[in-house]
C-alpha atoms as a PDB file:
ATOM      1  CA  MET A   1     108.884 -17.533 202.917  1.00  0.00           C
ATOM      2  CA  SER A   2     109.275 -17.584 198.962  1.00  0.00           C
ATOM      3  CA  ILE A   3     107.213 -18.481 196.500  1.00  0.00           C
ATOM      4  CA  TRP A   4     107.622 -18.060 192.634  1.00  0.00           C
ATOM      5  CA  TRP A   5     106.021 -19.424 189.345  1.00  0.00           C
ATOM      6  CA  SER A   6     106.219 -18.235 185.659  1.00  0.00           C
ATOM      7  CA  LEU A   7     103.807 -19.173 182.739  1.00  0.00           C
ATOM      8  CA  HIS A   8     104.304 -19.181 178.979  1.00  0.00           C
ATOM      9  CA  LEU A   9     100.679 -18.012 177.634  1.00  0.00           C
ATOM     10  CA  ARG A  10      99.493 -18.080 174.124  1.00  0.00           C
ATOM     11  CA  ARG A  11      98.341 -14.343 173.156  1.00  0.00           C
ATOM     12  CA  GLU A  12      94.598 -15.289 173.808  1.00  0.00           C
ATOM     13  CA  ALA A  13      91.786 -13.648 175.652  1.00  0.00           C
ATOM     14  CA  ALA A  14      91.403 -16.621 177.736  1.00  0.00           C
ATOM     15  CA  SER A  15      94.966 -16.868 178.970  1.00  0.00           C
ATOM     16  CA  VAL A  16      94.184 -13.460 181.157  1.00  0.00           C
ATOM     17  CA  PRO A  17      91.989 -15.036 183.661  1.00  0.00           C
ATOM     18  CA  LEU A  18      94.371 -18.082 183.845  1.00  0.00           C
ATOM     19  CA  ALA A  19      97.146 -16.046 185.204  1.00  0.00           C
ATOM     20  CA  ARG A  20      94.717 -13.893 187.471  1.00  0.00           C
ATOM     21  CA  ARG A  21      93.176 -17.039 189.098  1.00  0.00           C
ATOM     22  CA  LEU A  22      96.595 -18.762 189.289  1.00  0.00           C
ATOM     23  CA  LEU A  23      98.144 -15.277 191.292  1.00  0.00           C
ATOM     24  CA  ILE A  24      94.981 -14.885 193.406  1.00  0.00           C
ATOM     25  CA  GLY A  25      95.178 -18.936 194.539  1.00  0.00           C
ATOM     26  CA  THR A  26      98.562 -18.565 195.300  1.00  0.00           C
ATOM     27  CA  MET A  27      98.146 -15.425 197.629  1.00  0.00           C
ATOM     28  CA  GLU A  28      95.079 -17.019 198.991  1.00  0.00           C
ATOM     29  CA  THR A  29      97.036 -20.313 199.893  1.00  0.00           C
ATOM     30  CA  ALA A  30     100.032 -18.092 201.273  1.00  0.00           C
ATOM     31  CA  GLY A  31      97.708 -16.135 203.652  1.00  0.00           C
ATOM     32  CA  VAL A  32      97.767 -12.545 201.762  1.00  0.00           C
ATOM     33  CA  ASP A  33      95.136 -10.201 202.711  1.00  0.00           C
ATOM     34  CA  PRO A  34      92.532 -10.417 200.022  1.00  0.00           C
ATOM     35  CA  ASP A  35      92.404  -7.007 199.285  1.00  0.00           C
ATOM     36  CA  VAL A  36      95.902  -7.160 198.589  1.00  0.00           C
ATOM     37  CA  SER A  37      95.564 -10.101 196.505  1.00  0.00           C
ATOM     38  CA  PHE A  38      92.486  -8.501 194.574  1.00  0.00           C
ATOM     39  CA  GLU A  39      94.555  -5.129 193.655  1.00  0.00           C
ATOM     40  CA  LEU A  40      97.312  -7.218 192.434  1.00  0.00           C
ATOM     41  CA  SER A  41      95.066  -9.417 190.487  1.00  0.00           C
ATOM     42  CA  VAL A  42      93.620  -6.427 188.614  1.00  0.00           C
ATOM     43  CA  ALA A  43      96.950  -4.969 187.721  1.00  0.00           C
ATOM     44  CA  LEU A  44      98.090  -8.440 186.552  1.00  0.00           C
ATOM     45  CA  SER A  45      94.860  -8.913 184.292  1.00  0.00           C
ATOM     46  CA  GLU A  46      95.707  -5.402 183.098  1.00  0.00           C
ATOM     47  CA  ALA A  47      99.450  -6.093 182.095  1.00  0.00           C
ATOM     48  CA  CYS A  48      98.166  -9.703 180.627  1.00  0.00           C
ATOM     49  CA  ALA A  49      95.506  -7.775 178.451  1.00  0.00           C
ATOM     50  CA  ASN A  50      98.141  -5.156 176.895  1.00  0.00           C
ATOM     51  CA  ALA A  51     100.225  -8.385 176.185  1.00  0.00           C
ATOM     52  CA  VAL A  52      97.544 -10.119 174.546  1.00  0.00           C
ATOM     53  CA  GLU A  53      96.532  -6.940 172.555  1.00  0.00           C
ATOM     54  CA  HIS A  54      99.758  -5.345 171.486  1.00  0.00           C
ATOM     55  CA  GLY A  55     102.361  -7.896 172.480  1.00  0.00           C
ATOM     56  CA  GLY A  56     103.229  -9.674 169.064  1.00  0.00           C
ATOM     57  CA  ASP A  57     104.132  -9.843 165.507  1.00  0.00           C
ATOM     58  CA  THR A  58     101.028  -9.684 163.379  1.00  0.00           C
ATOM     59  CA  THR A  59     102.735 -11.688 160.656  1.00  0.00           C
ATOM     60  CA  ALA A  60     103.723 -14.570 163.007  1.00  0.00           C
ATOM     61  CA  ARG A  61     103.770 -18.059 162.245  1.00  0.00           C
ATOM     62  CA  GLY A  62     102.369 -18.981 165.841  1.00  0.00           C
ATOM     63  CA  ASP A  63     105.892 -19.859 167.265  1.00  0.00           C
ATOM     64  CA  PHE A  64     106.966 -17.722 170.249  1.00  0.00           C
ATOM     65  CA  SER A  65     105.841 -14.636 169.091  1.00  0.00           C
ATOM     66  CA  GLU A  66     102.508 -15.155 169.565  1.00  0.00           C
ATOM     67  CA  ALA A  67     102.960 -15.617 173.508  1.00  0.00           C
ATOM     68  CA  TYR A  68     103.898 -14.036 176.812  1.00  0.00           C
ATOM     69  CA  ARG A  69     105.131 -14.636 179.925  1.00  0.00           C
ATOM     70  CA  VAL A  70     104.093 -13.864 183.383  1.00  0.00           C
ATOM     71  CA  THR A  71     106.316 -14.150 186.482  1.00  0.00           C
ATOM     72  CA  ALA A  72     105.385 -13.973 190.084  1.00  0.00           C
ATOM     73  CA  TYR A  73     107.657 -14.040 192.999  1.00  0.00           C
ATOM     74  CA  LEU A  74     106.153 -14.135 196.348  1.00  0.00           C
ATOM     75  CA  ASP A  75     109.168 -12.976 198.561  1.00  0.00           C
ATOM     76  CA  GLY A  76     109.253 -12.194 202.049  1.00  0.00           C
ATOM     77  CA  GLU A  77     106.905  -9.129 202.202  1.00  0.00           C
ATOM     78  CA  THR A  78     106.970  -7.926 198.637  1.00  0.00           C
ATOM     79  CA  CYS A  79     105.065  -9.535 195.632  1.00  0.00           C
ATOM     80  CA  ARG A  80     106.608  -8.810 192.425  1.00  0.00           C
ATOM     81  CA  ILE A  81     104.723  -9.492 188.930  1.00  0.00           C
ATOM     82  CA  GLU A  82     106.739  -9.282 185.614  1.00  0.00           C
ATOM     83  CA  VAL A  83     104.620  -9.555 182.189  1.00  0.00           C
ATOM     84  CA  THR A  84     106.918  -9.529 179.132  1.00  0.00           C
ATOM     85  CA  ASP A  85     105.948 -10.009 175.521  1.00  0.00           C
ATOM     86  CA  SER A  86     107.743 -10.356 172.040  1.00  0.00           C
ATOM     87  CA  GLY A  87     105.918  -7.531 170.454  1.00  0.00           C
ATOM     88  CA  PRO A  88     107.698  -4.367 169.066  1.00  0.00           C
ATOM     89  CA  GLY A  89     107.886  -2.940 172.444  1.00  0.00           C
ATOM     90  CA  PHE A  90     106.963   0.264 173.499  1.00  0.00           C
ATOM     91  CA  PRO A  91     107.707   3.502 171.019  1.00  0.00           C
ATOM     92  CA  SER A  92     111.118   4.877 171.029  1.00  0.00           C
ATOM     93  CA  ALA A  93     111.397   9.024 172.365  1.00  0.00           C
ATOM     94  CA  PRO A  94     114.117  11.364 171.155  1.00  0.00           C
ATOM     95  CA  ASP A  95     116.723  11.960 173.149  1.00  0.00           C
ATOM     96  CA  THR A  96     116.633  15.664 173.934  1.00  0.00           C
ATOM     97  CA  THR A  97     120.389  16.217 173.671  1.00  0.00           C
ATOM     98  CA  THR A  98     121.117  13.990 170.637  1.00  0.00           C
ATOM     99  CA  GLY A  99     117.969  13.911 168.998  1.00  0.00           C
ATOM    100  CA  ARG A 100     118.400  10.214 168.688  1.00  0.00           C
ATOM    101  CA  ALA A 101     115.544   7.853 169.131  1.00  0.00           C
ATOM    102  CA  VAL A 102     116.194   5.892 172.721  1.00  0.00           C
ATOM    103  CA  ARG A 103     113.847   3.466 174.116  1.00  0.00           C
ATOM    104  CA  THR A 104     113.658   4.716 177.973  1.00  0.00           C
ATOM    105  CA  PRO A 105     111.269   3.721 180.750  1.00  0.00           C
ATOM    106  CA  LEU A 106     107.573   5.212 180.069  1.00  0.00           C
ATOM    107  CA  ARG A 107     105.526   7.107 182.294  1.00  0.00           C
ATOM    108  CA  PRO A 108     102.113   5.930 181.426  1.00  0.00           C
ATOM    109  CA  VAL A 109     100.093   8.852 180.307  1.00  0.00           C
ATOM    110  CA  PRO A 110      96.335   8.968 181.079  1.00  0.00           C
ATOM    111  CA  ALA A 111      93.693   8.443 178.626  1.00  0.00           C
ATOM    112  CA  ARG A 112      90.905  10.861 177.772  1.00  0.00           C
ATOM    113  CA  ALA A 113      87.637  10.679 179.442  1.00  0.00           C
ATOM    114  CA  ASP A 114      85.954   9.607 176.491  1.00  0.00           C
ATOM    115  CA  ALA A 115      88.477   7.188 175.523  1.00  0.00           C
ATOM    116  CA  GLU A 116      87.630   3.318 175.320  1.00  0.00           C
ATOM    117  CA  ASN A 117      90.877   2.191 176.512  1.00  0.00           C
ATOM    118  CA  GLY A 118      94.098   3.025 177.370  1.00  0.00           C
ATOM    119  CA  ARG A 119      93.686   3.519 180.954  1.00  0.00           C
ATOM    120  CA  GLY A 120      95.782   0.064 181.629  1.00  0.00           C
ATOM    121  CA  LEU A 121      98.875   1.095 182.646  1.00  0.00           C
ATOM    122  CA  CYS A 122      97.781   4.089 184.719  1.00  0.00           C
ATOM    123  CA  LEU A 123      95.748   1.752 186.681  1.00  0.00           C
ATOM    124  CA  ILE A 124      98.699  -0.934 187.387  1.00  0.00           C
ATOM    125  CA  GLN A 125     100.641   2.491 188.720  1.00  0.00           C
ATOM    126  CA  GLU A 126      98.010   3.037 191.223  1.00  0.00           C
ATOM    127  CA  LEU A 127      97.177  -0.474 192.513  1.00  0.00           C
ATOM    128  CA  ALA A 128     101.077  -1.426 192.885  1.00  0.00           C
ATOM    129  CA  ASP A 129     103.845   0.444 194.940  1.00  0.00           C
ATOM    130  CA  HIS A 130     106.280   0.552 192.292  1.00  0.00           C
ATOM    131  CA  VAL A 131     106.059   0.091 188.523  1.00  0.00           C
ATOM    132  CA  GLN A 132     108.909  -0.521 185.952  1.00  0.00           C
ATOM    133  CA  ILE A 133     107.639   0.066 182.201  1.00  0.00           C
ATOM    134  CA  GLY A 134     110.051  -0.358 179.279  1.00  0.00           C
ATOM    135  CA  ASN A 135     111.353  -2.741 176.769  1.00  0.00           C
ATOM    136  CA  LYS A 136     113.366  -5.825 176.633  1.00  0.00           C
ATOM    137  CA  PRO A 137     116.768  -5.409 175.371  1.00  0.00           C
ATOM    138  CA  GLY A 138     117.881  -7.039 172.224  1.00  0.00           C
ATOM    139  CA  ARG A 139     115.157  -8.350 170.154  1.00  0.00           C
ATOM    140  CA  GLY A 140     112.432  -6.355 171.471  1.00  0.00           C
ATOM    141  CA  GLY A 141     109.204  -6.661 173.368  1.00  0.00           C
ATOM    142  CA  ALA A 142     107.690  -4.906 176.338  1.00  0.00           C
ATOM    143  CA  VAL A 143     108.386  -5.532 179.771  1.00  0.00           C
ATOM    144  CA  VAL A 144     105.894  -4.513 182.793  1.00  0.00           C
ATOM    145  CA  SER A 145     107.177  -5.055 185.969  1.00  0.00           C
ATOM    146  CA  PHE A 146     105.415  -4.197 189.333  1.00  0.00           C
ATOM    147  CA  ASP A 147     105.545  -4.906 192.969  1.00  0.00           C
ATOM    148  CA  LYS A 148     103.360  -4.272 196.255  1.00  0.00           C
ATOM    149  CA  ILE A 149     104.299  -4.877 199.910  1.00  0.00           C
ATOM    150  CA  LEU A 150     102.085  -7.939 201.210  1.00  0.00           C
ATOM    151  CA  LYS A 151      99.572  -7.520 204.120  1.00  0.00           C
ATOM    152  CA  TRP A 152      98.925 -10.963 205.897  1.00  0.00           C
ATOM    153  CA  ARG A 153      95.855 -12.265 207.111  1.00  0.00           C
ATOM    154  CA  LYS A 154      96.127 -13.233 211.066  1.00  0.00           C
ATOM    155  CA  ASP A 155      95.679 -16.950 210.122  1.00  0.00           C
ATOM    156  CA  ALA A 156      98.125 -17.085 207.385  1.00  0.00           C
ATOM    157  CA  PRO A 157      99.894 -20.411 207.194  1.00  0.00           C
ATOM    158  CA  LEU A 158     103.109 -19.031 205.012  1.00  0.00           C
ATOM    159  CA  MET A 159     103.233 -15.447 206.620  1.00  0.00           C
ATOM    160  CA  ALA A 160     106.862 -14.154 206.217  1.00  0.00           C
ATOM    161  CA  VAL A 161     108.629 -14.078 209.341  1.00  0.00           C
END
């Protein structure tokens, strides 16, 4: 069994629950265990919220830089989700050998206990089995992708064989 969908969403808070509900509905219809569906939907909500908050050019003219993309793949025993935006991407880090700034995959740093935000990427990492955080090549923008091994309900109509 293989299902995939992709959404191109405006960077507005109302887009986050839309993506989340589509993911939950897809997994419920396929017969994915509700606990797994919930964990993935929380991770997706965090990735979308980051794209809404950080994922665009503040001087944009209302074009594609004011949007982000969510793609979900349910393939066999795995669900893979990718959220990409058109913002500045994650900050560059200095290469330890050359001293030049390079964009490398990031490891989320836990937020301070008294911080009001900054926990999303760490939460995604806790809820998913494998997480990749980095930047799109070329024009820029962030990419957060994560996957999780699926568990199925006993009565799953589309369970992987």
